[in-house]
């Protein structure tokens, strides 16, 4: 499963409350903070809702075996 790094880049002030709640549900607390999530349809849907406020990068998949 690939991972996504989501960074909050633009303030949610002036945007609808559901978008602010989506930012919070993604685990973002302050501007320029980054979080990593597994790539899933639920996370993709949340990103789509706030795509104008966040920056998304797909992290390289590492196949390192312990």
PDB file of N, CA and C in Angstrom:
ATOM      1  N   UNK A   1       0.846  -1.182   0.000  1.00  0.00           N
ATOM      2  CA  UNK A   1       0.000   0.000   0.000  1.00  0.00           C
ATOM      3  C   UNK A   1       0.886   1.237   0.000  1.00  0.00           C
ATOM      4  N   UNK A   2       0.611   2.145  -0.891  1.00  0.00           N
ATOM      5  CA  UNK A   2       1.402   3.371  -0.934  1.00  0.00           C
ATOM      6  C   UNK A   2       0.915   4.344   0.131  1.00  0.00           C
ATOM      7  N   UNK A   3       1.760   5.313   0.411  1.00  0.00           N
ATOM      8  CA  UNK A   3       1.425   6.321   1.416  1.00  0.00           C
ATOM      9  C   UNK A   3       1.356   7.687   0.760  1.00  0.00           C
ATOM     10  N   UNK A   4       0.576   8.553   1.369  1.00  0.00           N
ATOM     11  CA  UNK A   4       0.428   9.923   0.904  1.00  0.00           C
ATOM     12  C   UNK A   4       0.880  10.865   2.010  1.00  0.00           C
ATOM     13  N   UNK A   5       1.643  11.881   1.645  1.00  0.00           N
ATOM     14  CA  UNK A   5       2.000  12.934   2.592  1.00  0.00           C
ATOM     15  C   UNK A   5       1.115  14.133   2.273  1.00  0.00           C
ATOM     16  N   UNK A   6       0.328  14.550   3.250  1.00  0.00           N
ATOM     17  CA  UNK A   6      -0.619  15.649   3.083  1.00  0.00           C
ATOM     18  C   UNK A   6      -0.123  16.819   3.922  1.00  0.00           C
ATOM     19  N   UNK A   7       0.059  17.977   3.286  1.00  0.00           N
ATOM     20  CA  UNK A   7       0.551  19.166   3.970  1.00  0.00           C
ATOM     21  C   UNK A   7      -0.499  20.259   3.851  1.00  0.00           C
ATOM     22  N   UNK A   8      -0.841  20.852   4.986  1.00  0.00           N
ATOM     23  CA  UNK A   8      -1.826  21.935   5.019  1.00  0.00           C
ATOM     24  C   UNK A   8      -1.125  23.223   4.621  1.00  0.00           C
ATOM     25  N   UNK A   9      -1.500  23.813   3.478  1.00  0.00           N
ATOM     26  CA  UNK A   9      -0.813  24.984   2.932  1.00  0.00           C
ATOM     27  C   UNK A   9      -1.597  26.290   3.011  1.00  0.00           C
ATOM     28  N   UNK A  10      -2.932  26.239   3.032  1.00  0.00           N
ATOM     29  CA  UNK A  10      -3.724  27.465   3.015  1.00  0.00           C
ATOM     30  C   UNK A  10      -4.734  27.432   4.151  1.00  0.00           C
ATOM     31  N   UNK A  11      -4.922  28.558   4.807  1.00  0.00           N
ATOM     32  CA  UNK A  11      -5.839  28.654   5.933  1.00  0.00           C
ATOM     33  C   UNK A  11      -7.278  28.341   5.516  1.00  0.00           C
ATOM     34  N   UNK A  12      -8.018  27.749   6.439  1.00  0.00           N
ATOM     35  CA  UNK A  12      -9.417  27.407   6.186  1.00  0.00           C
ATOM     36  C   UNK A  12     -10.367  28.519   6.624  1.00  0.00           C
ATOM     37  N   UNK A  13      -9.840  29.642   7.064  1.00  0.00           N
ATOM     38  CA  UNK A  13     -10.682  30.768   7.460  1.00  0.00           C
ATOM     39  C   UNK A  13     -11.464  31.243   6.242  1.00  0.00           C
ATOM     40  N   UNK A  14     -12.755  31.391   6.404  1.00  0.00           N
ATOM     41  CA  UNK A  14     -13.606  31.847   5.314  1.00  0.00           C
ATOM     42  C   UNK A  14     -14.196  30.723   4.495  1.00  0.00           C
ATOM     43  N   UNK A  15     -13.835  29.487   4.796  1.00  0.00           N
ATOM     44  CA  UNK A  15     -14.377  28.329   4.085  1.00  0.00           C
ATOM     45  C   UNK A  15     -15.433  27.650   4.956  1.00  0.00           C
ATOM     46  N   UNK A  16     -16.217  26.803   4.343  1.00  0.00           N
ATOM     47  CA  UNK A  16     -17.327  26.138   5.032  1.00  0.00           C
ATOM     48  C   UNK A  16     -16.826  25.269   6.189  1.00  0.00           C
ATOM     49  N   UNK A  17     -17.686  25.091   7.168  1.00  0.00           N
ATOM     50  CA  UNK A  17     -17.355  24.310   8.348  1.00  0.00           C
ATOM     51  C   UNK A  17     -17.017  22.859   8.042  1.00  0.00           C
ATOM     52  N   UNK A  18     -17.658  22.270   7.027  1.00  0.00           N
ATOM     53  CA  UNK A  18     -17.353  20.876   6.706  1.00  0.00           C
ATOM     54  C   UNK A  18     -15.931  20.736   6.180  1.00  0.00           C
ATOM     55  N   UNK A  19     -15.408  21.764   5.526  1.00  0.00           N
ATOM     56  CA  UNK A  19     -14.025  21.717   5.062  1.00  0.00           C
ATOM     57  C   UNK A  19     -13.055  21.835   6.233  1.00  0.00           C
ATOM     58  N   UNK A  20     -13.395  22.652   7.211  1.00  0.00           N
ATOM     59  CA  UNK A  20     -12.570  22.772   8.418  1.00  0.00           C
ATOM     60  C   UNK A  20     -12.552  21.449   9.180  1.00  0.00           C
ATOM     61  N   UNK A  21     -13.699  20.789   9.249  1.00  0.00           N
ATOM     62  CA  UNK A  21     -13.767  19.493   9.933  1.00  0.00           C
ATOM     63  C   UNK A  21     -12.992  18.424   9.173  1.00  0.00           C
ATOM     64  N   UNK A  22     -12.966  18.507   7.857  1.00  0.00           N
ATOM     65  CA  UNK A  22     -12.204  17.549   7.052  1.00  0.00           C
ATOM     66  C   UNK A  22     -10.709  17.724   7.306  1.00  0.00           C
ATOM     67  N   UNK A  23     -10.241  18.967   7.365  1.00  0.00           N
ATOM     68  CA  UNK A  23      -8.832  19.237   7.682  1.00  0.00           C
ATOM     69  C   UNK A  23      -8.488  18.611   9.031  1.00  0.00           C
ATOM     70  N   UNK A  24      -9.361  18.798  10.008  1.00  0.00           N
ATOM     71  CA  UNK A  24      -9.146  18.260  11.355  1.00  0.00           C
ATOM     72  C   UNK A  24      -9.160  16.735  11.333  1.00  0.00           C
ATOM     73  N   UNK A  25     -10.070  16.150  10.550  1.00  0.00           N
ATOM     74  CA  UNK A  25     -10.182  14.693  10.474  1.00  0.00           C
ATOM     75  C   UNK A  25      -8.953  14.064   9.808  1.00  0.00           C
ATOM     76  N   UNK A  26      -8.284  14.808   8.956  1.00  0.00           N
ATOM     77  CA  UNK A  26      -7.054  14.317   8.349  1.00  0.00           C
ATOM     78  C   UNK A  26      -5.889  14.329   9.341  1.00  0.00           C
ATOM     79  N   UNK A  27      -6.095  14.948  10.497  1.00  0.00           N
ATOM     80  CA  UNK A  27      -5.052  14.989  11.520  1.00  0.00           C
ATOM     81  C   UNK A  27      -4.212  16.245  11.476  1.00  0.00           C
ATOM     82  N   UNK A  28      -4.648  17.233  10.707  1.00  0.00           N
ATOM     83  CA  UNK A  28      -3.896  18.478  10.586  1.00  0.00           C
ATOM     84  C   UNK A  28      -4.355  19.468  11.648  1.00  0.00           C
ATOM     85  N   UNK A  29      -3.401  20.041  12.358  1.00  0.00           N
ATOM     86  CA  UNK A  29      -3.713  20.959  13.457  1.00  0.00           C
ATOM     87  C   UNK A  29      -3.285  22.396  13.176  1.00  0.00           C
ATOM     88  N   UNK A  30      -2.204  22.561  12.387  1.00  0.00           N
ATOM     89  CA  UNK A  30      -1.719  23.918  12.114  1.00  0.00           C
ATOM     90  C   UNK A  30      -1.160  23.999  10.694  1.00  0.00           C
ATOM     91  N   UNK A  31      -1.086  25.205  10.181  1.00  0.00           N
ATOM     92  CA  UNK A  31      -0.585  25.420   8.824  1.00  0.00           C
ATOM     93  C   UNK A  31       0.827  24.869   8.670  1.00  0.00           C
ATOM     94  N   UNK A  32       1.113  24.369   7.498  1.00  0.00           N
ATOM     95  CA  UNK A  32       2.410  23.797   7.124  1.00  0.00           C
ATOM     96  C   UNK A  32       2.735  22.496   7.841  1.00  0.00           C
ATOM     97  N   UNK A  33       1.780  21.937   8.554  1.00  0.00           N
ATOM     98  CA  UNK A  33       1.974  20.638   9.181  1.00  0.00           C
ATOM     99  C   UNK A  33       1.722  19.553   8.136  1.00  0.00           C
ATOM    100  N   UNK A  34       2.491  18.471   8.222  1.00  0.00           N
ATOM    101  CA  UNK A  34       2.325  17.344   7.314  1.00  0.00           C
ATOM    102  C   UNK A  34       1.939  16.100   8.087  1.00  0.00           C
ATOM    103  N   UNK A  35       1.101  15.274   7.478  1.00  0.00           N
ATOM    104  CA  UNK A  35       0.743  13.980   8.036  1.00  0.00           C
ATOM    105  C   UNK A  35       0.849  12.950   6.922  1.00  0.00           C
ATOM    106  N   UNK A  36       1.032  11.694   7.306  1.00  0.00           N
ATOM    107  CA  UNK A  36       1.098  10.612   6.334  1.00  0.00           C
ATOM    108  C   UNK A  36      -0.070   9.669   6.574  1.00  0.00           C
ATOM    109  N   UNK A  37      -0.720   9.302   5.489  1.00  0.00           N
ATOM    110  CA  UNK A  37      -1.847   8.371   5.539  1.00  0.00           C
ATOM    111  C   UNK A  37      -1.660   7.330   4.452  1.00  0.00           C
ATOM    112  N   UNK A  38      -2.204   6.154   4.694  1.00  0.00           N
ATOM    113  CA  UNK A  38      -2.240   5.142   3.647  1.00  0.00           C
ATOM    114  C   UNK A  38      -3.195   5.587   2.552  1.00  0.00           C
ATOM    115  N   UNK A  39      -2.903   5.184   1.342  1.00  0.00           N
ATOM    116  CA  UNK A  39      -3.732   5.566   0.202  1.00  0.00           C
ATOM    117  C   UNK A  39      -4.990   4.698   0.184  1.00  0.00           C
ATOM    118  N   UNK A  40      -6.138   5.331   0.433  1.00  0.00           N
ATOM    119  CA  UNK A  40      -7.419   4.617   0.423  1.00  0.00           C
ATOM    120  C   UNK A  40      -8.477   5.518  -0.204  1.00  0.00           C
ATOM    121  N   UNK A  41      -9.575   4.940  -0.639  1.00  0.00           N
ATOM    122  CA  UNK A  41     -10.643   5.764  -1.225  1.00  0.00           C
ATOM    123  C   UNK A  41     -11.186   6.813  -0.242  1.00  0.00           C
ATOM    124  N   UNK A  42     -11.244   6.489   1.041  1.00  0.00           N
ATOM    125  CA  UNK A  42     -11.753   7.439   2.037  1.00  0.00           C
ATOM    126  C   UNK A  42     -10.831   8.651   2.153  1.00  0.00           C
ATOM    127  N   UNK A  43      -9.535   8.402   2.227  1.00  0.00           N
ATOM    128  CA  UNK A  43      -8.563   9.491   2.326  1.00  0.00           C
ATOM    129  C   UNK A  43      -8.559  10.305   1.040  1.00  0.00           C
ATOM    130  N   UNK A  44      -8.635   9.636  -0.112  1.00  0.00           N
ATOM    131  CA  UNK A  44      -8.677  10.347  -1.390  1.00  0.00           C
ATOM    132  C   UNK A  44      -9.898  11.265  -1.467  1.00  0.00           C
ATOM    133  N   UNK A  45     -11.033  10.808  -0.945  1.00  0.00           N
ATOM    134  CA  UNK A  45     -12.237  11.629  -0.937  1.00  0.00           C
ATOM    135  C   UNK A  45     -12.088  12.854  -0.058  1.00  0.00           C
ATOM    136  N   UNK A  46     -11.438  12.678   1.089  1.00  0.00           N
ATOM    137  CA  UNK A  46     -11.202  13.816   1.984  1.00  0.00           C
ATOM    138  C   UNK A  46     -10.267  14.822   1.325  1.00  0.00           C
ATOM    139  N   UNK A  47      -9.236  14.325   0.668  1.00  0.00           N
ATOM    140  CA  UNK A  47      -8.291  15.207  -0.021  1.00  0.00           C
ATOM    141  C   UNK A  47      -9.014  15.972  -1.125  1.00  0.00           C
ATOM    142  N   UNK A  48      -9.877  15.295  -1.856  1.00  0.00           N
ATOM    143  CA  UNK A  48     -10.621  15.936  -2.934  1.00  0.00           C
ATOM    144  C   UNK A  48     -11.469  17.093  -2.411  1.00  0.00           C
ATOM    145  N   UNK A  49     -12.032  16.926  -1.231  1.00  0.00           N
ATOM    146  CA  UNK A  49     -12.888  17.959  -0.640  1.00  0.00           C
ATOM    147  C   UNK A  49     -12.104  19.225  -0.284  1.00  0.00           C
ATOM    148  N   UNK A  50     -10.844  19.068   0.127  1.00  0.00           N
ATOM    149  CA  UNK A  50     -10.048  20.219   0.565  1.00  0.00           C
ATOM    150  C   UNK A  50      -8.798  20.397  -0.302  1.00  0.00           C
ATOM    151  N   UNK A  51      -8.883  20.000  -1.568  1.00  0.00           N
ATOM    152  CA  UNK A  51      -7.713  20.030  -2.452  1.00  0.00           C
ATOM    153  C   UNK A  51      -7.151  21.432  -2.652  1.00  0.00           C
ATOM    154  N   UNK A  52      -7.967  22.465  -2.446  1.00  0.00           N
ATOM    155  CA  UNK A  52      -7.515  23.846  -2.598  1.00  0.00           C
ATOM    156  C   UNK A  52      -6.779  24.346  -1.353  1.00  0.00           C
ATOM    157  N   UNK A  53      -6.786  23.557  -0.272  1.00  0.00           N
ATOM    158  CA  UNK A  53      -6.135  23.951   0.975  1.00  0.00           C
ATOM    159  C   UNK A  53      -4.891  23.131   1.294  1.00  0.00           C
ATOM    160  N   UNK A  54      -4.732  22.015   0.630  1.00  0.00           N
ATOM    161  CA  UNK A  54      -3.633  21.107   0.966  1.00  0.00           C
ATOM    162  C   UNK A  54      -2.754  20.814  -0.249  1.00  0.00           C
ATOM    163  N   UNK A  55      -1.586  20.268   0.051  1.00  0.00           N
ATOM    164  CA  UNK A  55      -0.659  19.801  -0.984  1.00  0.00           C
ATOM    165  C   UNK A  55      -0.428  18.317  -0.708  1.00  0.00           C
ATOM    166  N   UNK A  56      -0.467  17.501  -1.740  1.00  0.00           N
ATOM    167  CA  UNK A  56      -0.363  16.053  -1.571  1.00  0.00           C
ATOM    168  C   UNK A  56       0.830  15.533  -2.366  1.00  0.00           C
ATOM    169  N   UNK A  57       1.604  14.669  -1.713  1.00  0.00           N
ATOM    170  CA  UNK A  57       2.731  14.012  -2.384  1.00  0.00           C
ATOM    171  C   UNK A  57       2.646  12.526  -2.106  1.00  0.00           C
ATOM    172  N   UNK A  58       2.858  11.732  -3.142  1.00  0.00           N
ATOM    173  CA  UNK A  58       2.877  10.295  -2.965  1.00  0.00           C
ATOM    174  C   UNK A  58       4.292   9.883  -2.590  1.00  0.00           C
ATOM    175  N   UNK A  59       4.406   9.148  -1.500  1.00  0.00           N
ATOM    176  CA  UNK A  59       5.715   8.728  -1.026  1.00  0.00           C
ATOM    177  C   UNK A  59       6.157   7.479  -1.776  1.00  0.00           C
ATOM    178  N   UNK A  60       7.437   7.364  -2.046  1.00  0.00           N
ATOM    179  CA  UNK A  60       7.925   6.174  -2.755  1.00  0.00           C
ATOM    180  C   UNK A  60       7.698   4.926  -1.916  1.00  0.00           C
ATOM    181  N   UNK A  61       7.323   3.872  -2.590  1.00  0.00           N
ATOM    182  CA  UNK A  61       7.036   2.610  -1.915  1.00  0.00           C
ATOM    183  C   UNK A  61       8.351   1.877  -1.691  1.00  0.00           C
ATOM    184  N   UNK A  62       8.660   1.559  -0.436  1.00  0.00           N
ATOM    185  CA  UNK A  62       9.901   0.840  -0.155  1.00  0.00           C
ATOM    186  C   UNK A  62       9.580  -0.618   0.145  1.00  0.00           C
ATOM    187  N   UNK A  63      10.318  -1.505  -0.461  1.00  0.00           N
ATOM    188  CA  UNK A  63      10.127  -2.937  -0.262  1.00  0.00           C
ATOM    189  C   UNK A  63      11.222  -3.511   0.631  1.00  0.00           C
ATOM    190  N   UNK A  64      11.627  -2.765   1.626  1.00  0.00           N
ATOM    191  CA  UNK A  64      12.689  -3.215   2.527  1.00  0.00           C
ATOM    192  C   UNK A  64      12.162  -4.323   3.421  1.00  0.00           C
ATOM    193  N   UNK A  65      12.804  -5.475   3.372  1.00  0.00           N
ATOM    194  CA  UNK A  65      12.419  -6.601   4.227  1.00  0.00           C
ATOM    195  C   UNK A  65      13.291  -6.613   5.471  1.00  0.00           C
ATOM    196  N   UNK A  66      12.700  -6.813   6.645  1.00  0.00           N
ATOM    197  CA  UNK A  66      13.510  -6.824   7.871  1.00  0.00           C
ATOM    198  C   UNK A  66      14.346  -8.066   8.002  1.00  0.00           C
TER     199      UNK A  66
END
